Amino acid sequence: MRRTAIFLVAFLSMGGNGSAQDNILTGNTVYQAIKCDIGRFAAIAEEMGLDPAMKAAIEISWSIKDSTGAEIAFGLQGVLKKFGISFGPTLKGAEKFERVGLYAIKGTFNVHEGNTKACGQKGLPQVWVGVFECLSGQVDPLRGGVTASCDQRRTFQGTLDAKLEFMYVGSVEGKYNATVTYFININVPVEEKTKVALIQ
């Protein structure tokens, strides 16, 4: 049995909170935000009678489009690669994950409070991804043995500045306009595959 919560957010501005530096979207910003939220959920999970040894199965994919809505495959993407910039988590930053497509990775996180080390100021993720809210809203089903599933789409709109840093808040003068969309799927706990003994 599975319960799914769906979140759809188009991020346009944050109303002046944070510095310009906080508004730069690096390759691992979203990855670290997910990790932070998993840690925040772990902090309350055991108190609510959930298994502290749970694991979360996570798949992250992303797409990049220019200001006309056209998918960016080479052009801008090639420029970003040349300068070592990536909108998706790098395999170094997501070392326990595997790449499953040109713009997709998957792996697992331990549902452990130690993941809050990935949080930013005030113990919150640098960008909102909604993972904590989704999982904490499914505590009762989890207690009953139901797998909590979250499918979320997170969109950042902004421009690249002169340093080729993607600014997703406010008006920034840059050569390119771009929209980066992340698709996040999380299942807790990880469903173990049944092992069948072969009789010879």
C-alpha atoms as a PDB file:
ATOM      1  CA  MET A   1       0.000   0.000   0.000  1.00  0.00           C
ATOM      2  CA  ARG A   2       1.290   3.444  -0.848  1.00  0.00           C
ATOM      3  CA  ARG A   3       0.262   6.996  -0.156  1.00  0.00           C
ATOM      4  CA  THR A   4       1.417   9.811  -2.405  1.00  0.00           C
ATOM      5  CA  ALA A   5       1.629  13.540  -1.763  1.00  0.00           C
ATOM      6  CA  ILE A   6       2.258  15.843  -4.731  1.00  0.00           C
ATOM      7  CA  PHE A   7       3.761  19.326  -4.509  1.00  0.00           C
ATOM      8  CA  LEU A   8       4.076  21.774  -7.427  1.00  0.00           C
ATOM      9  CA  VAL A   9       5.929  25.029  -6.889  1.00  0.00           C
ATOM     10  CA  ALA A  10       7.106  27.650  -9.370  1.00  0.00           C
ATOM     11  CA  PHE A  11       9.719  29.737  -7.567  1.00  0.00           C
ATOM     12  CA  LEU A  12       9.846  33.341  -8.771  1.00  0.00           C
ATOM     13  CA  SER A  13      11.062  35.371  -5.786  1.00  0.00           C
ATOM     14  CA  MET A  14      11.701  35.264  -2.062  1.00  0.00           C
ATOM     15  CA  GLY A  15      10.679  38.805  -1.265  1.00  0.00           C
ATOM     16  CA  GLY A  16      14.087  40.123  -0.300  1.00  0.00           C
ATOM     17  CA  ASN A  17      15.194  37.472   2.208  1.00  0.00           C
ATOM     18  CA  GLY A  18      18.871  36.535   2.121  1.00  0.00           C
ATOM     19  CA  SER A  19      21.900  38.008   0.418  1.00  0.00           C
ATOM     20  CA  ALA A  20      22.785  37.852  -3.257  1.00  0.00           C
ATOM     21  CA  GLN A  21      25.192  35.014  -2.441  1.00  0.00           C
ATOM     22  CA  ASP A  22      22.285  32.997  -1.011  1.00  0.00           C
ATOM     23  CA  ASN A  23      20.491  33.320  -4.335  1.00  0.00           C
ATOM     24  CA  ILE A  24      23.116  31.481  -6.382  1.00  0.00           C
ATOM     25  CA  LEU A  25      21.943  28.032  -7.450  1.00  0.00           C
ATOM     26  CA  THR A  26      24.932  25.693  -7.508  1.00  0.00           C
ATOM     27  CA  GLY A  27      25.017  22.147  -8.795  1.00  0.00           C
ATOM     28  CA  ASN A  28      24.337  20.634  -5.386  1.00  0.00           C
ATOM     29  CA  THR A  29      21.932  23.188  -3.863  1.00  0.00           C
ATOM     30  CA  VAL A  30      18.809  21.071  -4.365  1.00  0.00           C
ATOM     31  CA  TYR A  31      20.610  17.838  -3.425  1.00  0.00           C
ATOM     32  CA  GLN A  32      21.755  19.377  -0.126  1.00  0.00           C
ATOM     33  CA  ALA A  33      18.257  20.765   0.512  1.00  0.00           C
ATOM     34  CA  ILE A  34      16.761  17.269   0.161  1.00  0.00           C
ATOM     35  CA  LYS A  35      19.415  15.849   2.481  1.00  0.00           C
ATOM     36  CA  CYS A  36      18.673  18.588   5.018  1.00  0.00           C
ATOM     37  CA  ASP A  37      14.929  17.855   4.942  1.00  0.00           C
ATOM     38  CA  ILE A  38      15.546  14.116   5.404  1.00  0.00           C
ATOM     39  CA  GLY A  39      17.585  14.982   8.508  1.00  0.00           C
ATOM     40  CA  ARG A  40      14.874  17.307   9.810  1.00  0.00           C
ATOM     41  CA  PHE A  41      12.304  14.548   9.379  1.00  0.00           C
ATOM     42  CA  ALA A  42      14.594  12.037  11.126  1.00  0.00           C
ATOM     43  CA  ALA A  43      14.772  14.369  14.131  1.00  0.00           C
ATOM     44  CA  ILE A  44      11.042  13.907  14.754  1.00  0.00           C
ATOM     45  CA  ALA A  45      10.578  10.393  13.355  1.00  0.00           C
ATOM     46  CA  GLU A  46      11.827   8.414  16.350  1.00  0.00           C
ATOM     47  CA  GLU A  47       9.853  10.611  18.756  1.00  0.00           C
ATOM     48  CA  MET A  48       6.733   9.677  16.802  1.00  0.00           C
ATOM     49  CA  GLY A  49       7.376   5.959  17.065  1.00  0.00           C
ATOM     50  CA  LEU A  50       8.920   5.393  13.641  1.00  0.00           C
ATOM     51  CA  ASP A  51      11.841   3.092  12.896  1.00  0.00           C
ATOM     52  CA  PRO A  52      15.050   5.181  13.268  1.00  0.00           C
ATOM     53  CA  ALA A  53      16.850   2.811  10.853  1.00  0.00           C
ATOM     54  CA  MET A  54      14.604   3.659   7.875  1.00  0.00           C
ATOM     55  CA  LYS A  55      16.091   4.513   4.506  1.00  0.00           C
ATOM     56  CA  ALA A  56      14.727   6.858   1.862  1.00  0.00           C
ATOM     57  CA  ALA A  57      14.925   5.939  -1.824  1.00  0.00           C
ATOM     58  CA  ILE A  58      15.420   9.094  -3.881  1.00  0.00           C
ATOM     59  CA  GLU A  59      15.461   9.872  -7.593  1.00  0.00           C
ATOM     60  CA  ILE A  60      16.264  13.353  -8.890  1.00  0.00           C
ATOM     61  CA  SER A  61      16.014  14.448 -12.513  1.00  0.00           C
ATOM     62  CA  TRP A  62      16.177  17.912 -14.041  1.00  0.00           C
ATOM     63  CA  SER A  63      15.654  19.878 -17.219  1.00  0.00           C
ATOM     64  CA  ILE A  64      16.982  23.221 -18.428  1.00  0.00           C
ATOM     65  CA  LYS A  65      15.104  25.580 -20.740  1.00  0.00           C
ATOM     66  CA  ASP A  66      15.894  28.993 -22.169  1.00  0.00           C
ATOM     67  CA  SER A  67      13.636  32.048 -21.992  1.00  0.00           C
ATOM     68  CA  THR A  68      11.565  30.821 -24.966  1.00  0.00           C
ATOM     69  CA  GLY A  69      10.825  27.508 -23.268  1.00  0.00           C
ATOM     70  CA  ALA A  70      13.088  25.534 -25.587  1.00  0.00           C
ATOM     71  CA  GLU A  71      15.047  22.684 -24.031  1.00  0.00           C
ATOM     72  CA  ILE A  72      18.735  23.480 -23.693  1.00  0.00           C
ATOM     73  CA  ALA A  73      20.819  20.537 -24.856  1.00  0.00           C
ATOM     74  CA  PHE A  74      24.075  21.981 -26.141  1.00  0.00           C
ATOM     75  CA  GLY A  75      24.385  25.794 -26.451  1.00  0.00           C
ATOM     76  CA  LEU A  76      24.098  27.055 -22.902  1.00  0.00           C
ATOM     77  CA  GLN A  77      24.643  23.610 -21.446  1.00  0.00           C
ATOM     78  CA  GLY A  78      27.970  23.418 -23.260  1.00  0.00           C
ATOM     79  CA  VAL A  79      29.017  26.801 -21.889  1.00  0.00           C
ATOM     80  CA  LEU A  80      28.132  25.695 -18.363  1.00  0.00           C
ATOM     81  CA  LYS A  81      30.076  22.450 -18.730  1.00  0.00           C
ATOM     82  CA  LYS A  82      33.120  24.355 -19.975  1.00  0.00           C
ATOM     83  CA  PHE A  83      33.110  26.485 -16.836  1.00  0.00           C
ATOM     84  CA  GLY A  84      32.461  23.539 -14.525  1.00  0.00           C
ATOM     85  CA  ILE A  85      28.896  24.560 -13.727  1.00  0.00           C
ATOM     86  CA  SER A  86      26.088  22.046 -13.484  1.00  0.00           C
ATOM     87  CA  PHE A  87      22.428  22.460 -12.599  1.00  0.00           C
ATOM     88  CA  GLY A  88      22.219  18.835 -11.493  1.00  0.00           C
ATOM     89  CA  PRO A  89      23.968  17.323  -8.471  1.00  0.00           C
ATOM     90  CA  THR A  90      27.491  16.226  -9.302  1.00  0.00           C
ATOM     91  CA  LEU A  91      28.431  12.632  -8.642  1.00  0.00           C
ATOM     92  CA  LYS A  92      31.093  13.871  -6.233  1.00  0.00           C
ATOM     93  CA  GLY A  93      28.478  15.754  -4.250  1.00  0.00           C
ATOM     94  CA  ALA A  94      26.057  12.841  -4.540  1.00  0.00           C
ATOM     95  CA  GLU A  95      28.650  10.152  -3.957  1.00  0.00           C
ATOM     96  CA  LYS A  96      26.178   7.488  -2.785  1.00  0.00           C
ATOM     97  CA  PHE A  97      24.031   8.008  -5.868  1.00  0.00           C
ATOM     98  CA  GLU A  98      24.312   6.613  -9.373  1.00  0.00           C
ATOM     99  CA  ARG A  99      23.607   8.354 -12.634  1.00  0.00           C
ATOM    100  CA  VAL A 100      20.632   6.749 -14.385  1.00  0.00           C
ATOM    101  CA  GLY A 101      20.347   9.156 -17.302  1.00  0.00           C
ATOM    102  CA  LEU A 102      21.918  12.279 -18.766  1.00  0.00           C
ATOM    103  CA  TYR A 103      19.924  14.397 -16.318  1.00  0.00           C
ATOM    104  CA  ALA A 104      18.973  11.930 -13.575  1.00  0.00           C
ATOM    105  CA  ILE A 105      20.492  10.263 -10.515  1.00  0.00           C
ATOM    106  CA  LYS A 106      19.111   7.925  -7.855  1.00  0.00           C
ATOM    107  CA  GLY A 107      20.224   6.513  -4.541  1.00  0.00           C
ATOM    108  CA  THR A 108      19.327   6.280  -0.868  1.00  0.00           C
ATOM    109  CA  PHE A 109      19.681   8.345   2.276  1.00  0.00           C
ATOM    110  CA  ASN A 110      19.607   7.003   5.801  1.00  0.00           C
ATOM    111  CA  VAL A 111      16.751   8.720   7.621  1.00  0.00           C
ATOM    112  CA  HIS A 112      19.214  10.098  10.159  1.00  0.00           C
ATOM    113  CA  GLU A 113      19.347  13.384  12.039  1.00  0.00           C
ATOM    114  CA  GLY A 114      22.996  13.748  11.055  1.00  0.00           C
ATOM    115  CA  ASN A 115      21.822  14.791   7.580  1.00  0.00           C
ATOM    116  CA  THR A 116      20.904  18.176   9.063  1.00  0.00           C
ATOM    117  CA  LYS A 117      24.582  19.061   8.598  1.00  0.00           C
ATOM    118  CA  ALA A 118      23.528  19.831   5.021  1.00  0.00           C
ATOM    119  CA  CYS A 119      21.141  22.541   6.257  1.00  0.00           C
ATOM    120  CA  GLY A 120      21.799  26.249   5.952  1.00  0.00           C
ATOM    121  CA  GLN A 121      21.046  29.075   8.337  1.00  0.00           C
ATOM    122  CA  LYS A 122      18.590  28.413  11.186  1.00  0.00           C
ATOM    123  CA  GLY A 123      18.705  24.697  10.425  1.00  0.00           C
ATOM    124  CA  LEU A 124      16.688  25.076   7.223  1.00  0.00           C
ATOM    125  CA  PRO A 125      17.505  24.110   3.621  1.00  0.00           C
ATOM    126  CA  GLN A 126      18.942  26.866   1.425  1.00  0.00           C
ATOM    127  CA  VAL A 127      16.049  26.402  -0.994  1.00  0.00           C
ATOM    128  CA  TRP A 128      12.597  25.008  -0.251  1.00  0.00           C
ATOM    129  CA  VAL A 129      11.980  21.535  -1.662  1.00  0.00           C
ATOM    130  CA  GLY A 130       9.035  20.428   0.493  1.00  0.00           C
ATOM    131  CA  VAL A 131      10.431  17.025   1.464  1.00  0.00           C
ATOM    132  CA  PHE A 132      10.138  17.638   5.217  1.00  0.00           C
ATOM    133  CA  GLU A 133       6.548  18.843   4.906  1.00  0.00           C
ATOM    134  CA  CYS A 134       5.590  15.907   2.706  1.00  0.00           C
ATOM    135  CA  LEU A 135       7.077  13.208   4.931  1.00  0.00           C
ATOM    136  CA  SER A 136       6.009  14.704   8.266  1.00  0.00           C
ATOM    137  CA  GLY A 137       2.447  14.813   6.924  1.00  0.00           C
ATOM    138  CA  GLN A 138       2.508  11.032   6.448  1.00  0.00           C
ATOM    139  CA  VAL A 139       3.576   9.871   9.909  1.00  0.00           C
ATOM    140  CA  ASP A 140       0.349   7.971  10.672  1.00  0.00           C
ATOM    141  CA  PRO A 141       0.467   5.919   7.443  1.00  0.00           C
ATOM    142  CA  LEU A 142       4.142   5.164   8.103  1.00  0.00           C
ATOM    143  CA  ARG A 143       3.264   3.902  11.564  1.00  0.00           C
ATOM    144  CA  GLY A 144       0.785   1.553   9.911  1.00  0.00           C
ATOM    145  CA  GLY A 145       3.390   0.132   7.563  1.00  0.00           C
ATOM    146  CA  VAL A 146       2.395   2.189   4.520  1.00  0.00           C
ATOM    147  CA  THR A 147       5.163   3.517   2.259  1.00  0.00           C
ATOM    148  CA  ALA A 148       5.227   7.322   2.170  1.00  0.00           C
ATOM    149  CA  SER A 149       5.796   8.600  -1.362  1.00  0.00           C
ATOM    150  CA  CYS A 150       6.479  12.184  -2.415  1.00  0.00           C
ATOM    151  CA  ASP A 151       6.544  13.417  -6.013  1.00  0.00           C
ATOM    152  CA  GLN A 152       7.603  17.032  -6.301  1.00  0.00           C
ATOM    153  CA  ARG A 153       8.498  19.474  -9.041  1.00  0.00           C
ATOM    154  CA  ARG A 154      10.653  22.452  -8.133  1.00  0.00           C
ATOM    155  CA  THR A 155      11.228  25.227 -10.675  1.00  0.00           C
ATOM    156  CA  PHE A 156      13.819  28.021 -10.518  1.00  0.00           C
ATOM    157  CA  GLN A 157      13.659  30.951 -12.913  1.00  0.00           C
ATOM    158  CA  GLY A 158      16.481  33.430 -13.288  1.00  0.00           C
ATOM    159  CA  THR A 159      19.498  34.505 -15.274  1.00  0.00           C
ATOM    160  CA  LEU A 160      23.196  33.836 -15.436  1.00  0.00           C
ATOM    161  CA  ASP A 161      25.324  36.753 -14.307  1.00  0.00           C
ATOM    162  CA  ALA A 162      28.691  37.819 -15.729  1.00  0.00           C
ATOM    163  CA  LYS A 163      30.406  35.095 -13.674  1.00  0.00           C
ATOM    164  CA  LEU A 164      28.040  32.466 -15.117  1.00  0.00           C
ATOM    165  CA  GLU A 165      26.399  31.989 -11.747  1.00  0.00           C
ATOM    166  CA  PHE A 166      22.681  31.204 -11.923  1.00  0.00           C
ATOM    167  CA  MET A 167      20.745  33.836  -9.978  1.00  0.00           C
ATOM    168  CA  TYR A 168      17.185  32.763  -9.228  1.00  0.00           C
ATOM    169  CA  VAL A 169      16.001  35.772  -7.214  1.00  0.00           C
ATOM    170  CA  GLY A 170      15.582  39.351  -8.365  1.00  0.00           C
ATOM    171  CA  SER A 171      16.595  41.059 -11.566  1.00  0.00           C
ATOM    172  CA  VAL A 172      20.102  40.212 -12.700  1.00  0.00           C
ATOM    173  CA  GLU A 173      21.788  41.474 -15.836  1.00  0.00           C
ATOM    174  CA  GLY A 174      23.144  38.477 -17.699  1.00  0.00           C
ATOM    175  CA  LYS A 175      23.670  37.054 -21.132  1.00  0.00           C
ATOM    176  CA  TYR A 176      21.266  34.131 -20.709  1.00  0.00           C
ATOM    177  CA  ASN A 177      17.840  33.604 -19.224  1.00  0.00           C
ATOM    178  CA  ALA A 178      17.061  30.095 -18.055  1.00  0.00           C
ATOM    179  CA  THR A 179      14.589  27.947 -16.161  1.00  0.00           C
ATOM    180  CA  VAL A 180      15.777  24.905 -14.248  1.00  0.00           C
ATOM    181  CA  THR A 181      13.203  22.319 -13.150  1.00  0.00           C
ATOM    182  CA  TYR A 182      13.895  19.492 -10.710  1.00  0.00           C
ATOM    183  CA  PHE A 183      11.681  16.412 -10.420  1.00  0.00           C
ATOM    184  CA  ILE A 184      12.053  14.710  -7.046  1.00  0.00           C
ATOM    185  CA  ASN A 185      10.663  11.300  -6.104  1.00  0.00           C
ATOM    186  CA  ILE A 186      11.089   9.931  -2.587  1.00  0.00           C
ATOM    187  CA  ASN A 187       9.860   6.686  -1.024  1.00  0.00           C
ATOM    188  CA  VAL A 188      10.189   5.920   2.700  1.00  0.00           C
ATOM    189  CA  PRO A 189      10.997   3.310   3.826  1.00  0.00           C
ATOM    190  CA  VAL A 190      12.933   1.627   1.041  1.00  0.00           C
ATOM    191  CA  GLU A 191      11.030  -1.468  -0.061  1.00  0.00           C
ATOM    192  CA  GLU A 192      13.308  -4.457   0.425  1.00  0.00           C
ATOM    193  CA  LYS A 193      13.329  -7.038  -2.356  1.00  0.00           C
ATOM    194  CA  THR A 194      12.190 -10.452  -1.227  1.00  0.00           C
ATOM    195  CA  LYS A 195      15.019 -12.960  -1.296  1.00  0.00           C
ATOM    196  CA  VAL A 196      14.089 -16.379  -2.632  1.00  0.00           C
ATOM    197  CA  ALA A 197      16.270 -19.365  -1.796  1.00  0.00           C
ATOM    198  CA  LEU A 198      16.932 -21.578  -4.787  1.00  0.00           C
ATOM    199  CA  ILE A 199      16.618 -25.288  -4.095  1.00  0.00           C
ATOM    200  CA  GLN A 200      19.030 -27.343  -6.126  1.00  0.00           C
END
